C-alpha atoms as a PDB file:
ATOM      1  CA  MET A   1      23.410 114.314 296.087  1.00  0.00           C
ATOM      2  CA  PRO A   2      25.709 117.300 295.501  1.00  0.00           C
ATOM      3  CA  ALA A   3      26.643 119.606 298.358  1.00  0.00           C
ATOM      4  CA  ASP A   4      24.586 122.797 298.499  1.00  0.00           C
ATOM      5  CA  SER A   5      27.504 124.904 297.289  1.00  0.00           C
ATOM      6  CA  ALA A   6      27.916 122.673 294.225  1.00  0.00           C
ATOM      7  CA  LYS A   7      24.214 122.670 293.367  1.00  0.00           C
ATOM      8  CA  ASN A   8      24.197 126.220 292.031  1.00  0.00           C
ATOM      9  CA  SER A   9      26.734 125.235 289.359  1.00  0.00           C
ATOM     10  CA  ILE A  10      24.490 122.438 288.015  1.00  0.00           C
ATOM     11  CA  LEU A  11      22.323 123.342 285.021  1.00  0.00           C
ATOM     12  CA  ILE A  12      19.058 121.534 284.360  1.00  0.00           C
ATOM     13  CA  TYR A  13      17.012 122.022 281.196  1.00  0.00           C
ATOM     14  CA  VAL A  14      13.233 121.908 281.634  1.00  0.00           C
ATOM     15  CA  VAL A  15      11.129 121.407 278.490  1.00  0.00           C
ATOM     16  CA  ASP A  16       7.330 121.597 278.582  1.00  0.00           C
ATOM     17  CA  ASP A  17       5.064 123.109 275.936  1.00  0.00           C
ATOM     18  CA  ASN A  18       2.692 124.172 278.719  1.00  0.00           C
ATOM     19  CA  PRO A  19       4.329 127.404 279.993  1.00  0.00           C
ATOM     20  CA  LEU A  20       2.695 127.207 283.413  1.00  0.00           C
ATOM     21  CA  LEU A  21       3.717 123.599 284.078  1.00  0.00           C
ATOM     22  CA  GLY A  22       7.224 124.222 282.763  1.00  0.00           C
ATOM     23  CA  GLU A  23       7.662 127.293 284.921  1.00  0.00           C
ATOM     24  CA  VAL A  24       6.374 125.503 288.026  1.00  0.00           C
ATOM     25  CA  THR A  25       8.754 122.595 287.392  1.00  0.00           C
ATOM     26  CA  ALA A  26      11.690 124.968 286.867  1.00  0.00           C
ATOM     27  CA  GLN A  27      10.841 126.917 290.033  1.00  0.00           C
ATOM     28  CA  ILE A  28      10.671 123.720 292.088  1.00  0.00           C
ATOM     29  CA  ILE A  29      14.120 122.739 290.826  1.00  0.00           C
ATOM     30  CA  ASN A  30      15.417 126.283 291.486  1.00  0.00           C
ATOM     31  CA  THR A  31      14.194 126.152 295.090  1.00  0.00           C
ATOM     32  CA  ALA A  32      16.347 123.046 295.563  1.00  0.00           C
ATOM     33  CA  GLY A  33      19.367 125.179 294.614  1.00  0.00           C
ATOM     34  CA  TYR A  34      19.914 124.222 290.974  1.00  0.00           C
ATOM     35  CA  GLN A  35      20.068 126.451 287.901  1.00  0.00           C
ATOM     36  CA  THR A  36      17.438 125.884 285.231  1.00  0.00           C
ATOM     37  CA  ARG A  37      16.827 126.920 281.676  1.00  0.00           C
ATOM     38  CA  MET A  38      13.194 126.540 280.672  1.00  0.00           C
ATOM     39  CA  PHE A  39      11.868 125.989 277.161  1.00  0.00           C
ATOM     40  CA  THR A  40       8.272 125.920 275.949  1.00  0.00           C
ATOM     41  CA  ASN A  41       9.277 125.423 272.315  1.00  0.00           C
ATOM     42  CA  PRO A  42      10.720 121.947 271.763  1.00  0.00           C
ATOM     43  CA  ILE A  43      12.453 123.040 268.547  1.00  0.00           C
ATOM     44  CA  GLU A  44      14.373 125.744 270.464  1.00  0.00           C
ATOM     45  CA  ALA A  45      15.196 123.239 273.190  1.00  0.00           C
ATOM     46  CA  ASN A  46      16.412 120.762 270.590  1.00  0.00           C
ATOM     47  CA  GLY A  47      18.654 123.453 269.047  1.00  0.00           C
ATOM     48  CA  ALA A  48      20.141 124.322 272.430  1.00  0.00           C
ATOM     49  CA  LEU A  49      20.698 120.635 273.158  1.00  0.00           C
ATOM     50  CA  GLU A  50      22.407 120.143 269.808  1.00  0.00           C
ATOM     51  CA  LYS A  51      24.776 123.032 270.577  1.00  0.00           C
ATOM     52  CA  GLY A  52      25.278 121.791 274.118  1.00  0.00           C
ATOM     53  CA  GLU A  53      26.439 125.164 275.405  1.00  0.00           C
ATOM     54  CA  PRO A  54      26.082 125.559 278.241  1.00  0.00           C
ATOM     55  CA  LYS A  55      25.864 121.843 278.916  1.00  0.00           C
ATOM     56  CA  PRO A  56      23.045 120.743 281.196  1.00  0.00           C
ATOM     57  CA  GLN A  57      23.589 117.732 283.442  1.00  0.00           C
ATOM     58  CA  VAL A  58      19.897 116.778 283.532  1.00  0.00           C
ATOM     59  CA  LEU A  59      17.102 117.135 280.983  1.00  0.00           C
ATOM     60  CA  VAL A  60      13.575 117.212 282.426  1.00  0.00           C
ATOM     61  CA  THR A  61      11.168 116.893 279.522  1.00  0.00           C
ATOM     62  CA  ASP A  62       7.480 116.352 279.058  1.00  0.00           C
ATOM     63  CA  PHE A  63       6.480 113.538 276.714  1.00  0.00           C
ATOM     64  CA  ASP A  64       3.924 115.355 274.566  1.00  0.00           C
ATOM     65  CA  LEU A  65       5.531 118.547 273.279  1.00  0.00           C
ATOM     66  CA  GLY A  66       3.312 119.158 270.256  1.00  0.00           C
ATOM     67  CA  LYS A  67       5.902 119.300 267.452  1.00  0.00           C
ATOM     68  CA  LEU A  68       8.189 116.708 269.050  1.00  0.00           C
ATOM     69  CA  VAL A  69       7.960 114.103 271.756  1.00  0.00           C
ATOM     70  CA  GLY A  70      10.234 113.807 274.741  1.00  0.00           C
ATOM     71  CA  PHE A  71      11.885 110.718 273.238  1.00  0.00           C
ATOM     72  CA  ASP A  72      13.144 112.875 270.338  1.00  0.00           C
ATOM     73  CA  LEU A  73      14.806 115.281 272.763  1.00  0.00           C
ATOM     74  CA  ILE A  74      16.266 112.452 274.802  1.00  0.00           C
ATOM     75  CA  ASN A  75      17.729 110.844 271.682  1.00  0.00           C
ATOM     76  CA  THR A  76      19.243 114.132 270.413  1.00  0.00           C
ATOM     77  CA  THR A  77      20.586 114.962 273.839  1.00  0.00           C
ATOM     78  CA  ARG A  78      22.363 111.657 274.290  1.00  0.00           C
ATOM     79  CA  GLN A  79      24.019 112.055 270.893  1.00  0.00           C
ATOM     80  CA  ASN A  80      25.247 115.576 271.618  1.00  0.00           C
ATOM     81  CA  ILE A  81      25.835 115.554 275.372  1.00  0.00           C
ATOM     82  CA  PRO A  82      27.176 112.171 276.488  1.00  0.00           C
ATOM     83  CA  GLY A  83      26.468 111.469 280.128  1.00  0.00           C
ATOM     84  CA  ILE A  84      23.394 113.690 280.402  1.00  0.00           C
ATOM     85  CA  LYS A  85      20.605 112.256 282.543  1.00  0.00           C
ATOM     86  CA  PRO A  86      17.106 112.515 280.991  1.00  0.00           C
ATOM     87  CA  LEU A  87      14.020 112.570 283.204  1.00  0.00           C
ATOM     88  CA  LEU A  88      10.747 112.111 281.324  1.00  0.00           C
ATOM     89  CA  VAL A  89       7.465 113.350 282.799  1.00  0.00           C
ATOM     90  CA  SER A  90       4.070 112.624 281.327  1.00  0.00           C
ATOM     91  CA  GLY A  91       0.372 112.662 281.959  1.00  0.00           C
ATOM     92  CA  THR A  92      -0.380 110.864 278.683  1.00  0.00           C
ATOM     93  CA  VAL A  93       2.091 107.960 278.629  1.00  0.00           C
ATOM     94  CA  ASP A  94       2.278 105.233 281.231  1.00  0.00           C
ATOM     95  CA  ARG A  95       5.110 102.872 282.155  1.00  0.00           C
ATOM     96  CA  GLU A  96       3.729 100.114 279.904  1.00  0.00           C
ATOM     97  CA  VAL A  97       3.881 102.278 276.757  1.00  0.00           C
ATOM     98  CA  LEU A  98       7.231 103.665 277.847  1.00  0.00           C
ATOM     99  CA  ALA A  99       8.706 100.161 278.221  1.00  0.00           C
ATOM    100  CA  LYS A 100       7.967  99.398 274.555  1.00  0.00           C
ATOM    101  CA  HIS A 101       9.872 102.416 273.193  1.00  0.00           C
ATOM    102  CA  PRO A 102      13.492 101.943 272.030  1.00  0.00           C
ATOM    103  CA  VAL A 103      14.615 105.258 273.601  1.00  0.00           C
ATOM    104  CA  GLN A 104      14.433 105.144 277.376  1.00  0.00           C
ATOM    105  CA  PRO A 105      14.845 107.971 279.886  1.00  0.00           C
ATOM    106  CA  ASP A 106      17.026 107.429 282.929  1.00  0.00           C
ATOM    107  CA  LYS A 107      13.956 108.144 285.062  1.00  0.00           C
ATOM    108  CA  PHE A 108      10.216 108.496 284.482  1.00  0.00           C
ATOM    109  CA  ILE A 109       7.735 110.382 286.670  1.00  0.00           C
ATOM    110  CA  PRO A 110       4.019 110.315 285.851  1.00  0.00           C
ATOM    111  CA  LYS A 111       1.961 113.496 286.166  1.00  0.00           C
ATOM    112  CA  PRO A 112       0.549 115.066 288.231  1.00  0.00           C
ATOM    113  CA  LEU A 113       3.991 116.007 289.510  1.00  0.00           C
ATOM    114  CA  LYS A 114       4.790 116.567 293.157  1.00  0.00           C
ATOM    115  CA  ALA A 115       7.673 118.793 294.219  1.00  0.00           C
ATOM    116  CA  ASP A 116       9.316 115.989 296.214  1.00  0.00           C
ATOM    117  CA  ASP A 117       9.138 113.660 293.186  1.00  0.00           C
ATOM    118  CA  ILE A 118      10.791 116.205 290.888  1.00  0.00           C
ATOM    119  CA  ILE A 119      13.569 117.132 293.318  1.00  0.00           C
ATOM    120  CA  GLY A 120      14.071 113.509 294.349  1.00  0.00           C
ATOM    121  CA  GLY A 121      14.238 112.422 290.702  1.00  0.00           C
ATOM    122  CA  VAL A 122      16.777 115.082 289.804  1.00  0.00           C
ATOM    123  CA  GLU A 123      18.927 114.311 292.835  1.00  0.00           C
ATOM    124  CA  GLU A 124      18.734 110.560 292.182  1.00  0.00           C
ATOM    125  CA  LEU A 125      19.971 111.114 288.613  1.00  0.00           C
ATOM    126  CA  LEU A 126      22.796 113.386 289.753  1.00  0.00           C
ATOM    127  CA  ALA A 127      23.876 110.923 292.423  1.00  0.00           C
ATOM    128  CA  GLY A 128      23.837 107.968 290.021  1.00  0.00           C
END
């Protein structure tokens, strides 16, 4: 886990097509001391991830994003930002379905999300 002074230099992208859930997730991460950039449009998020500027260290993405799925973002992100840590959240996909997919996140958290799970997941990814 990074020291508190280092946390504010860490950028985390949050992608959720539900504005309320995305904003809540981003605010939870912000309260832990990290910077976030929130996207409700997966196409915009994908464009930002392809550019990789500024480079996030963690990608927190929902699975069902309407036009894309979280696996698409994870795949693009890994190609463009080596070393990024993707965290997939979902209320529609379970671990069994996830295990069968060729693209795997570094961490998976099922919805409904709890603040401790989100912060703990982010910090686990940053520490690893």
